[in-house]
Protein backbone atom coordinates (compact mmCIF):
# COMPACT_ATOMS: atom_id res chain seq x y z
CA UNK A 1 -3.97 11.38 -4.82
CA UNK A 2 -4.46 14.76 -3.29
CA UNK A 3 -1.86 16.79 -1.32
CA UNK A 4 -1.64 20.33 -0.08
CA UNK A 5 1.91 21.61 0.27
CA UNK A 6 2.84 24.44 2.66
CA UNK A 7 6.04 26.26 2.13
CA UNK A 8 7.48 26.29 5.74
CA UNK A 9 10.37 27.92 7.60
CA UNK A 10 9.68 25.17 10.24
CA UNK A 11 7.16 22.52 10.90
CA UNK A 12 6.66 19.70 13.50
CA UNK A 13 3.99 16.95 14.34
CA UNK A 14 3.35 16.14 17.90
CA UNK A 15 1.46 13.10 19.24
CA UNK A 16 0.58 12.98 22.86
CA UNK A 17 2.84 15.92 23.56
CA UNK A 18 5.95 14.21 21.86
CA UNK A 19 7.43 15.56 18.73
CA UNK A 20 7.53 12.63 16.26
CA UNK A 21 8.68 14.62 13.12
CA UNK A 22 10.18 17.97 12.32
CA UNK A 23 11.87 19.96 9.65
CA UNK A 24 13.41 23.46 9.16
CA UNK A 25 13.02 25.16 5.94
CA UNK A 26 11.05 22.93 3.50
CA UNK A 27 7.69 21.60 2.79
CA UNK A 28 4.85 20.22 4.89
CA UNK A 29 3.02 17.73 2.75
CA UNK A 30 -0.47 16.90 3.69
CA UNK A 31 -1.22 13.72 1.74
CA UNK A 32 -4.53 11.92 0.94
CA UNK A 33 -4.93 8.74 -0.92
CA UNK A 34 -8.15 8.07 -2.95
CA UNK A 35 -9.73 4.67 -3.72
CA UNK A 36 -8.38 4.44 -7.30
CA UNK A 37 -4.88 5.43 -6.39
CA UNK A 38 -1.75 3.26 -7.03
CA UNK A 39 2.00 3.49 -6.13
CA UNK A 40 2.48 4.96 -9.63
CA UNK A 41 0.26 7.89 -8.80
CA UNK A 42 2.25 8.49 -5.61
CA UNK A 43 5.46 8.50 -7.62
CA UNK A 44 4.02 10.96 -10.02
CA UNK A 45 2.89 13.21 -7.00
CA UNK A 46 6.31 12.90 -5.40
CA UNK A 47 8.20 13.73 -8.59
CA UNK A 48 6.00 16.84 -9.03
CA UNK A 49 6.56 17.89 -5.26
CA UNK A 50 10.35 17.45 -5.40
CA UNK A 51 10.48 19.68 -8.69
CA UNK A 52 7.82 22.31 -7.94
CA UNK A 53 9.70 25.68 -7.95
CA UNK A 54 8.10 27.50 -4.94
CA UNK A 55 11.17 28.72 -3.02
CA UNK A 56 12.85 32.05 -3.72
CA UNK A 57 16.09 32.54 -5.69
CA UNK A 58 18.62 35.36 -5.01
CA UNK A 59 16.24 37.70 -6.70
CA UNK A 60 13.32 36.64 -4.58
CA UNK A 61 11.50 34.89 -7.56
CA UNK A 62 9.91 31.46 -6.91
CA UNK A 63 12.58 29.59 -9.06
CA UNK A 64 13.84 26.97 -6.71
CA UNK A 65 12.54 23.59 -5.64
CA UNK A 66 12.78 21.84 -2.35
CA UNK A 67 15.61 19.79 -3.74
CA UNK A 68 17.36 22.89 -4.97
CA UNK A 69 17.32 24.42 -1.39
CA UNK A 70 18.03 21.10 0.20
CA UNK A 71 14.82 21.64 2.32
CA UNK A 72 12.96 19.14 4.41
CA UNK A 73 9.83 17.33 3.70
CA UNK A 74 7.44 16.76 6.53
CA UNK A 75 4.81 14.25 5.22
CA UNK A 76 1.50 13.99 7.19
CA UNK A 77 -1.49 11.69 6.16
CA UNK A 78 -4.71 13.73 6.06
CA UNK A 79 -7.80 11.87 4.67
CA UNK A 80 -9.96 15.05 5.33
CA UNK A 81 -8.53 16.45 2.09
CA UNK A 82 -11.04 14.19 0.38
CA UNK A 83 -14.04 15.82 2.26
CA UNK A 84 -17.25 16.04 0.24
CA UNK A 85 -19.11 19.04 1.43
CA UNK A 86 -21.66 19.38 -1.31
CA UNK A 87 -24.66 18.72 0.80
CA UNK A 88 -25.40 19.13 4.38
CA UNK A 89 -23.06 20.32 6.99
CA UNK A 90 -21.30 17.42 7.85
CA UNK A 91 -18.60 16.35 5.46
CA UNK A 92 -18.44 12.92 4.02
CA UNK A 93 -15.12 11.10 3.53
CA UNK A 94 -16.13 8.16 1.10
CA UNK A 95 -13.79 9.76 -1.49
CA UNK A 96 -10.76 9.05 0.67
CA UNK A 97 -9.07 5.52 0.19
CA UNK A 98 -10.09 2.95 2.80
CA UNK A 99 -7.70 2.93 5.78
CA UNK A 100 -5.76 -0.16 4.76
CA UNK A 101 -5.21 1.04 1.20
CA UNK A 102 -4.53 4.61 2.48
CA UNK A 103 -1.99 3.43 4.89
CA UNK A 104 -0.12 1.27 2.24
CA UNK A 105 -0.07 4.06 -0.26
CA UNK A 106 1.25 6.58 2.58
CA UNK A 107 3.82 4.09 3.53
CA UNK A 108 4.93 3.63 -0.08
CA UNK A 109 5.03 7.39 -0.84
CA UNK A 110 7.20 7.98 2.35
CA UNK A 111 9.55 5.07 1.27
CA UNK A 112 9.85 6.66 -2.06
CA UNK A 113 10.46 10.19 -0.59
CA UNK A 114 13.34 8.79 1.63
CA UNK A 115 14.92 7.20 -1.50
CA UNK A 116 14.70 10.33 -3.47
CA UNK A 117 15.33 13.14 -0.85
CA UNK A 118 17.76 13.29 2.11
CA UNK A 119 15.46 15.04 4.75
CA UNK A 120 12.21 13.28 5.09
CA UNK A 121 10.22 13.36 8.44
CA UNK A 122 6.69 12.12 9.05
CA UNK A 123 3.65 12.01 11.20
CA UNK A 124 2.01 8.68 12.17
CA UNK A 125 -0.86 7.38 9.93
CA UNK A 126 -4.36 7.40 11.64
CA UNK A 127 -2.87 9.12 14.76
CA UNK A 128 -4.50 12.30 16.43
CA UNK A 129 -1.64 14.69 15.49
CA UNK A 130 -1.01 18.24 16.33
CA UNK A 131 0.68 19.86 13.36
CA UNK A 132 2.61 23.10 14.07
CA UNK A 133 4.01 25.17 11.23
CA UNK A 134 5.33 28.64 10.28
CA UNK A 135 3.86 29.04 6.73
CA UNK A 136 6.58 31.05 4.73
CA UNK A 137 5.16 33.61 2.43
CA UNK A 138 2.32 32.30 3.02
CA UNK A 139 2.71 29.84 0.15
CA UNK A 140 0.21 27.03 0.10
CA UNK A 141 -0.40 24.79 -3.10
CA UNK A 142 -2.97 22.21 -3.68
CA UNK A 143 -1.98 19.28 -5.94
CA UNK A 144 -4.19 16.55 -7.32
CA UNK A 145 -2.73 13.70 -9.50
CA UNK A 146 -5.15 11.09 -10.97
CA UNK A 147 -4.48 7.61 -12.49
């Protein structure tokens, strides 16, 4: 499973001009399932995301997690994180999970996140989304968890 975390002061997802998910301070989580991923991989990814210390403490050091600051999670499916750009100029996406598996793993991840964290918003799997964010720092962290 692949994710890109962006520390945000605010973020929102729009579909057809309507805001479907938004958070204030917290993390925008772009999430991509791969063909061999399982719910257990998603659980490991979520645990890492919730505990990752990338928010500033009173001294300005990155010592606090999204849980420590009671920040929001905005979780957006993004199969393009699995892009293969090794040859040619058009990326391939065969490294991403097939849509049915990707959606199932995304839904499981969101369900687990909602059980573990009080503020969880989402985009919509497979939709054409417009993601707006104010990247705080900027801080952008790529993560990959394998089986």
